[in-house]
Amino acid sequence: PLLHISTDYIFDGTNNDPYHEDDVPNPQGVYGKSKLKGERAVKSILQQHIILRVAWVFGATGNNFVHTMLSMGRERDELKVVADQYGCPTWSEDIARVLLAIAERYQKREIIPWGTYHYAGQPVTTWFNFAQAIFAETTILGMLEKSPRVKAISTEEYPTKLKRPKNTALNCQKIQRLFAIPQPDWHIGLSNVLLNWKNQ
């Protein structure tokens, strides 16, 4: 069996509601297109697979949005952050726990409902609101001498070659129903990551 990680960016972001597993993919960038090809490759060669689509992953290691905001917050008095892209921040440790839980079920020879699942944090938010939450938490923890002002901007105001979808919120009811795996609150993951950095 194969546990395979995919992404919310296989969707084009035009839905108003969170995406379900059977919604039609339409990736807009190279990253999403390559991940969709990976999904199709897994499905074509292996019946026993779990494709886990995750979103806006952050953690205590590697480059991610939380790390970027903290680094820039130390250097600047004001940060401009996109406020019209919606998604679900997800703590990397929560993802790891889900993969381990599924692997342990297989090891115990329990019945596994193979297929594609969405797993992401809740509630749905924007990059702007996520940034505000990051700096609110760093203030509580005393990690910055002075938190920067966070200014909301539109996607059009943020020049980038990458085309990012407007809404990639994921509906996670399927994994809750078939695996009894609850959708995590990303605020808890954020607190853990920042506390980890503070204690290092």
C-alpha atoms as a PDB file:
ATOM      1  CA  PRO A   1       0.000   0.000   0.000  1.00  0.00           C
ATOM      2  CA  LEU A   2       1.057   3.605  -0.617  1.00  0.00           C
ATOM      3  CA  LEU A   3       0.231   6.721   1.378  1.00  0.00           C
ATOM      4  CA  HIS A   4       0.643   9.627  -1.028  1.00  0.00           C
ATOM      5  CA  ILE A   5       0.573  13.353  -0.257  1.00  0.00           C
ATOM      6  CA  SER A   6      -1.195  15.687  -2.669  1.00  0.00           C
ATOM      7  CA  THR A   7      -2.435  19.275  -2.506  1.00  0.00           C
ATOM      8  CA  ASP A   8      -5.376  21.643  -2.540  1.00  0.00           C
ATOM      9  CA  TYR A   9      -3.739  23.378  -5.514  1.00  0.00           C
ATOM     10  CA  ILE A  10      -5.082  20.737  -7.910  1.00  0.00           C
ATOM     11  CA  PHE A  11      -8.263  22.861  -7.826  1.00  0.00           C
ATOM     12  CA  ASP A  12      -8.691  26.170  -9.660  1.00  0.00           C
ATOM     13  CA  GLY A  13     -10.190  28.016  -6.698  1.00  0.00           C
ATOM     14  CA  THR A  14     -13.420  29.089  -8.379  1.00  0.00           C
ATOM     15  CA  ASN A  15     -15.712  27.205  -5.962  1.00  0.00           C
ATOM     16  CA  ASN A  16     -17.497  29.245  -3.320  1.00  0.00           C
ATOM     17  CA  ASP A  17     -17.738  26.241  -0.984  1.00  0.00           C
ATOM     18  CA  PRO A  18     -14.981  23.915   0.270  1.00  0.00           C
ATOM     19  CA  TYR A  19     -13.903  21.304  -2.262  1.00  0.00           C
ATOM     20  CA  HIS A  20     -14.984  17.669  -1.950  1.00  0.00           C
ATOM     21  CA  GLU A  21     -12.806  14.752  -3.052  1.00  0.00           C
ATOM     22  CA  ASP A  22     -14.887  14.131  -6.182  1.00  0.00           C
ATOM     23  CA  ASP A  23     -14.879  17.736  -7.412  1.00  0.00           C
ATOM     24  CA  VAL A  24     -13.223  18.088 -10.812  1.00  0.00           C
ATOM     25  CA  PRO A  25      -9.547  19.126 -10.592  1.00  0.00           C
ATOM     26  CA  ASN A  26      -8.347  22.026 -12.706  1.00  0.00           C
ATOM     27  CA  PRO A  27      -4.860  23.074 -11.533  1.00  0.00           C
ATOM     28  CA  GLN A  28      -3.672  26.500 -12.621  1.00  0.00           C
ATOM     29  CA  GLY A  29       0.076  26.189 -12.034  1.00  0.00           C
ATOM     30  CA  VAL A  30       2.937  23.770 -12.625  1.00  0.00           C
ATOM     31  CA  TYR A  31       2.908  22.652  -8.981  1.00  0.00           C
ATOM     32  CA  GLY A  32      -0.777  21.695  -9.011  1.00  0.00           C
ATOM     33  CA  LYS A  33      -0.501  20.068 -12.438  1.00  0.00           C
ATOM     34  CA  SER A  34       2.454  17.914 -11.365  1.00  0.00           C
ATOM     35  CA  LYS A  35       0.682  16.859  -8.171  1.00  0.00           C
ATOM     36  CA  LEU A  36      -2.427  15.869 -10.146  1.00  0.00           C
ATOM     37  CA  LYS A  37      -0.254  13.752 -12.462  1.00  0.00           C
ATOM     38  CA  GLY A  38       1.170  12.115  -9.358  1.00  0.00           C
ATOM     39  CA  GLU A  39      -2.333  11.280  -8.119  1.00  0.00           C
ATOM     40  CA  ARG A  40      -3.263   9.737 -11.456  1.00  0.00           C
ATOM     41  CA  ALA A  41      -0.059   7.717 -11.559  1.00  0.00           C
ATOM     42  CA  VAL A  42      -0.747   6.264  -8.112  1.00  0.00           C
ATOM     43  CA  LYS A  43      -4.320   5.357  -9.051  1.00  0.00           C
ATOM     44  CA  SER A  44      -3.192   3.699 -12.292  1.00  0.00           C
ATOM     45  CA  ILE A  45      -0.661   1.328 -10.709  1.00  0.00           C
ATOM     46  CA  LEU A  46      -1.958   0.557  -7.237  1.00  0.00           C
ATOM     47  CA  GLN A  47      -5.411  -0.266  -5.876  1.00  0.00           C
ATOM     48  CA  GLN A  48      -4.367  -0.104  -2.223  1.00  0.00           C
ATOM     49  CA  HIS A  49      -3.531   3.574  -1.826  1.00  0.00           C
ATOM     50  CA  ILE A  50      -4.455   6.614   0.209  1.00  0.00           C
ATOM     51  CA  ILE A  51      -4.091   9.970  -1.521  1.00  0.00           C
ATOM     52  CA  LEU A  52      -4.156  12.623   1.180  1.00  0.00           C
ATOM     53  CA  ARG A  53      -4.758  16.138  -0.126  1.00  0.00           C
ATOM     54  CA  VAL A  54      -3.442  18.687   2.342  1.00  0.00           C
ATOM     55  CA  ALA A  55      -3.276  22.490   2.313  1.00  0.00           C
ATOM     56  CA  TRP A  56      -1.217  25.477   3.430  1.00  0.00           C
ATOM     57  CA  VAL A  57       1.232  23.266   5.351  1.00  0.00           C
ATOM     58  CA  PHE A  58       3.312  24.846   8.104  1.00  0.00           C
ATOM     59  CA  GLY A  59       5.662  23.453  10.730  1.00  0.00           C
ATOM     60  CA  ALA A  60       8.681  24.097  12.929  1.00  0.00           C
ATOM     61  CA  THR A  61      11.159  23.196  10.176  1.00  0.00           C
ATOM     62  CA  GLY A  62      11.589  24.221   6.556  1.00  0.00           C
ATOM     63  CA  ASN A  63      10.324  27.259   4.713  1.00  0.00           C
ATOM     64  CA  ASN A  64       6.643  27.975   5.193  1.00  0.00           C
ATOM     65  CA  PHE A  65       4.296  30.920   5.688  1.00  0.00           C
ATOM     66  CA  VAL A  66       4.700  31.072   9.473  1.00  0.00           C
ATOM     67  CA  HIS A  67       8.501  31.109   9.214  1.00  0.00           C
ATOM     68  CA  THR A  68       8.360  33.771   6.480  1.00  0.00           C
ATOM     69  CA  MET A  69       6.024  36.027   8.473  1.00  0.00           C
ATOM     70  CA  LEU A  70       8.159  35.786  11.594  1.00  0.00           C
ATOM     71  CA  SER A  71      11.360  36.559   9.661  1.00  0.00           C
ATOM     72  CA  MET A  72       9.812  39.511   7.839  1.00  0.00           C
ATOM     73  CA  GLY A  73       8.132  40.730  11.024  1.00  0.00           C
ATOM     74  CA  ARG A  74      11.542  41.156  12.631  1.00  0.00           C
ATOM     75  CA  GLU A  75      12.745  43.284   9.723  1.00  0.00           C
ATOM     76  CA  ARG A  76       9.758  45.437   8.743  1.00  0.00           C
ATOM     77  CA  ASP A  77       7.261  47.749  10.385  1.00  0.00           C
ATOM     78  CA  GLU A  78       4.510  46.888   7.888  1.00  0.00           C
ATOM     79  CA  LEU A  79       3.678  43.755   5.916  1.00  0.00           C
ATOM     80  CA  LYS A  80       1.242  43.576   3.012  1.00  0.00           C
ATOM     81  CA  VAL A  81      -0.604  40.263   2.934  1.00  0.00           C
ATOM     82  CA  VAL A  82      -3.199  38.975   0.477  1.00  0.00           C
ATOM     83  CA  ALA A  83      -6.707  38.974   1.964  1.00  0.00           C
ATOM     84  CA  ASP A  84      -8.801  37.478  -0.840  1.00  0.00           C
ATOM     85  CA  GLN A  85      -7.327  33.962  -1.064  1.00  0.00           C
ATOM     86  CA  TYR A  86      -9.036  31.403   1.153  1.00  0.00           C
ATOM     87  CA  GLY A  87      -7.696  28.120   2.458  1.00  0.00           C
ATOM     88  CA  CYS A  88      -6.992  25.842   5.407  1.00  0.00           C
ATOM     89  CA  PRO A  89      -3.643  26.091   7.230  1.00  0.00           C
ATOM     90  CA  THR A  90      -2.462  22.640   8.316  1.00  0.00           C
ATOM     91  CA  TRP A  91       0.199  21.724  10.875  1.00  0.00           C
ATOM     92  CA  SER A  92       2.699  19.207   9.489  1.00  0.00           C
ATOM     93  CA  GLU A  93       2.622  17.174  12.727  1.00  0.00           C
ATOM     94  CA  ASP A  94      -1.143  16.711  12.365  1.00  0.00           C
ATOM     95  CA  ILE A  95      -0.547  15.306   8.867  1.00  0.00           C
ATOM     96  CA  ALA A  96       2.137  12.955  10.193  1.00  0.00           C
ATOM     97  CA  ARG A  97      -0.225  11.672  12.887  1.00  0.00           C
ATOM     98  CA  VAL A  98      -2.916  10.911  10.296  1.00  0.00           C
ATOM     99  CA  LEU A  99      -0.487   8.947   8.128  1.00  0.00           C
ATOM    100  CA  LEU A 100       0.711   6.971  11.148  1.00  0.00           C
ATOM    101  CA  ALA A 101      -2.867   6.271  12.246  1.00  0.00           C
ATOM    102  CA  ILE A 102      -3.733   4.861   8.805  1.00  0.00           C
ATOM    103  CA  ALA A 103      -0.515   2.813   8.697  1.00  0.00           C
ATOM    104  CA  GLU A 104      -1.261   1.371  12.143  1.00  0.00           C
ATOM    105  CA  ARG A 105      -4.755   0.358  11.025  1.00  0.00           C
ATOM    106  CA  TYR A 106      -3.231  -1.526   8.111  1.00  0.00           C
ATOM    107  CA  GLN A 107      -0.645  -3.166  10.394  1.00  0.00           C
ATOM    108  CA  LYS A 108      -3.477  -4.388  12.641  1.00  0.00           C
ATOM    109  CA  ARG A 109      -5.161  -5.850   9.530  1.00  0.00           C
ATOM    110  CA  GLU A 110      -8.181  -3.610   9.904  1.00  0.00           C
ATOM    111  CA  ILE A 111     -10.306  -2.845   6.852  1.00  0.00           C
ATOM    112  CA  ILE A 112      -8.962   0.226   5.046  1.00  0.00           C
ATOM    113  CA  PRO A 113     -11.309   2.235   2.790  1.00  0.00           C
ATOM    114  CA  TRP A 114      -8.686   3.042   0.147  1.00  0.00           C
ATOM    115  CA  GLY A 115      -9.003   6.164  -1.979  1.00  0.00           C
ATOM    116  CA  THR A 116      -8.626   9.930  -1.952  1.00  0.00           C
ATOM    117  CA  TYR A 117      -9.170  12.060   1.153  1.00  0.00           C
ATOM    118  CA  HIS A 118      -8.972  15.696   2.157  1.00  0.00           C
ATOM    119  CA  TYR A 119      -7.261  16.606   5.404  1.00  0.00           C
ATOM    120  CA  ALA A 120      -6.666  20.210   6.430  1.00  0.00           C
ATOM    121  CA  GLY A 121      -6.963  22.513   9.397  1.00  0.00           C
ATOM    122  CA  GLN A 122      -9.993  24.530  10.397  1.00  0.00           C
ATOM    123  CA  PRO A 123     -11.425  27.135  10.292  1.00  0.00           C
ATOM    124  CA  VAL A 124     -11.108  28.411   6.732  1.00  0.00           C
ATOM    125  CA  THR A 125      -9.104  31.628   6.672  1.00  0.00           C
ATOM    126  CA  THR A 126      -7.148  34.003   4.441  1.00  0.00           C
ATOM    127  CA  TRP A 127      -3.406  34.629   4.291  1.00  0.00           C
ATOM    128  CA  PHE A 128      -4.101  38.020   5.876  1.00  0.00           C
ATOM    129  CA  ASN A 129      -6.038  36.581   8.812  1.00  0.00           C
ATOM    130  CA  PHE A 130      -3.458  33.817   9.193  1.00  0.00           C
ATOM    131  CA  ALA A 131      -0.723  36.475   9.426  1.00  0.00           C
ATOM    132  CA  GLN A 132      -2.733  38.390  12.026  1.00  0.00           C
ATOM    133  CA  ALA A 133      -3.078  35.212  14.101  1.00  0.00           C
ATOM    134  CA  ILE A 134       0.671  34.580  13.861  1.00  0.00           C
ATOM    135  CA  PHE A 135       1.559  38.025  15.204  1.00  0.00           C
ATOM    136  CA  ALA A 136      -1.131  37.896  17.890  1.00  0.00           C
ATOM    137  CA  GLU A 137       0.443  34.669  19.155  1.00  0.00           C
ATOM    138  CA  THR A 138       4.012  36.003  18.969  1.00  0.00           C
ATOM    139  CA  THR A 139       2.865  38.995  21.027  1.00  0.00           C
ATOM    140  CA  ILE A 140       1.430  36.705  23.693  1.00  0.00           C
ATOM    141  CA  LEU A 141       4.673  34.699  23.749  1.00  0.00           C
ATOM    142  CA  GLY A 142       6.856  37.816  23.757  1.00  0.00           C
ATOM    143  CA  MET A 143       8.781  36.685  20.674  1.00  0.00           C
ATOM    144  CA  LEU A 144       8.976  40.065  18.919  1.00  0.00           C
ATOM    145  CA  GLU A 145       9.910  43.423  20.403  1.00  0.00           C
ATOM    146  CA  LYS A 146       7.287  45.024  18.194  1.00  0.00           C
ATOM    147  CA  SER A 147       4.764  43.342  15.911  1.00  0.00           C
ATOM    148  CA  PRO A 148       4.482  44.790  12.408  1.00  0.00           C
ATOM    149  CA  ARG A 149       1.294  46.296  11.038  1.00  0.00           C
ATOM    150  CA  VAL A 150      -0.408  43.827   8.728  1.00  0.00           C
ATOM    151  CA  LYS A 151      -2.103  45.500   5.775  1.00  0.00           C
ATOM    152  CA  ALA A 152      -4.705  43.638   3.724  1.00  0.00           C
ATOM    153  CA  ILE A 153      -4.209  43.705  -0.049  1.00  0.00           C
ATOM    154  CA  SER A 154      -5.836  41.992  -3.027  1.00  0.00           C
ATOM    155  CA  THR A 155      -4.304  39.289  -5.191  1.00  0.00           C
ATOM    156  CA  GLU A 156      -3.986  41.860  -7.970  1.00  0.00           C
ATOM    157  CA  GLU A 157      -1.929  44.098  -5.691  1.00  0.00           C
ATOM    158  CA  TYR A 158       0.587  41.329  -5.018  1.00  0.00           C
ATOM    159  CA  PRO A 159       2.718  40.873  -8.150  1.00  0.00           C
ATOM    160  CA  THR A 160       3.822  37.278  -8.713  1.00  0.00           C
ATOM    161  CA  LYS A 161       4.417  34.991 -11.670  1.00  0.00           C
ATOM    162  CA  LEU A 162       2.590  32.207  -9.853  1.00  0.00           C
ATOM    163  CA  LYS A 163      -1.151  32.052 -10.380  1.00  0.00           C
ATOM    164  CA  ARG A 164      -2.713  31.191  -7.032  1.00  0.00           C
ATOM    165  CA  PRO A 165      -6.326  29.988  -6.682  1.00  0.00           C
ATOM    166  CA  LYS A 166      -8.748  32.232  -4.792  1.00  0.00           C
ATOM    167  CA  ASN A 167     -10.405  29.497  -2.708  1.00  0.00           C
ATOM    168  CA  THR A 168      -8.924  26.064  -2.020  1.00  0.00           C
ATOM    169  CA  ALA A 169     -10.714  25.307   1.243  1.00  0.00           C
ATOM    170  CA  LEU A 170     -11.113  21.538   1.611  1.00  0.00           C
ATOM    171  CA  ASN A 171     -14.147  19.668   2.872  1.00  0.00           C
ATOM    172  CA  CYS A 172     -12.816  17.022   5.286  1.00  0.00           C
ATOM    173  CA  GLN A 173     -16.030  15.167   6.157  1.00  0.00           C
ATOM    174  CA  LYS A 174     -15.056  11.994   4.278  1.00  0.00           C
ATOM    175  CA  ILE A 175     -11.976  11.225   6.405  1.00  0.00           C
ATOM    176  CA  GLN A 176     -13.978  12.030   9.528  1.00  0.00           C
ATOM    177  CA  ARG A 177     -16.750   9.671   8.451  1.00  0.00           C
ATOM    178  CA  LEU A 178     -14.645   6.714   7.257  1.00  0.00           C
ATOM    179  CA  PHE A 179     -11.614   6.957   9.545  1.00  0.00           C
ATOM    180  CA  ALA A 180     -13.037   8.859  12.540  1.00  0.00           C
ATOM    181  CA  ILE A 181     -10.195  11.358  12.098  1.00  0.00           C
ATOM    182  CA  PRO A 182     -11.311  14.839  13.216  1.00  0.00           C
ATOM    183  CA  GLN A 183     -10.383  18.047  11.437  1.00  0.00           C
ATOM    184  CA  PRO A 184      -7.730  19.831  13.532  1.00  0.00           C
ATOM    185  CA  ASP A 185      -7.776  23.448  14.671  1.00  0.00           C
ATOM    186  CA  TRP A 186      -4.761  25.116  13.044  1.00  0.00           C
ATOM    187  CA  HIS A 187      -4.525  27.613  15.916  1.00  0.00           C
ATOM    188  CA  ILE A 188      -3.278  24.782  18.142  1.00  0.00           C
ATOM    189  CA  GLY A 189      -0.599  23.825  15.644  1.00  0.00           C
ATOM    190  CA  LEU A 190       0.447  27.443  15.281  1.00  0.00           C
ATOM    191  CA  SER A 191       0.841  27.805  19.053  1.00  0.00           C
ATOM    192  CA  ASN A 192       2.941  24.643  19.191  1.00  0.00           C
ATOM    193  CA  VAL A 193       5.231  25.753  16.370  1.00  0.00           C
ATOM    194  CA  LEU A 194       5.840  29.205  17.842  1.00  0.00           C
ATOM    195  CA  LEU A 195       6.366  27.818  21.341  1.00  0.00           C
ATOM    196  CA  ASN A 196       8.869  25.353  19.887  1.00  0.00           C
ATOM    197  CA  TRP A 197      10.826  28.214  18.283  1.00  0.00           C
ATOM    198  CA  LYS A 198      10.719  30.286  21.446  1.00  0.00           C
ATOM    199  CA  ASN A 199      12.159  27.455  23.530  1.00  0.00           C
ATOM    200  CA  GLN A 200      15.029  26.737  21.133  1.00  0.00           C
END
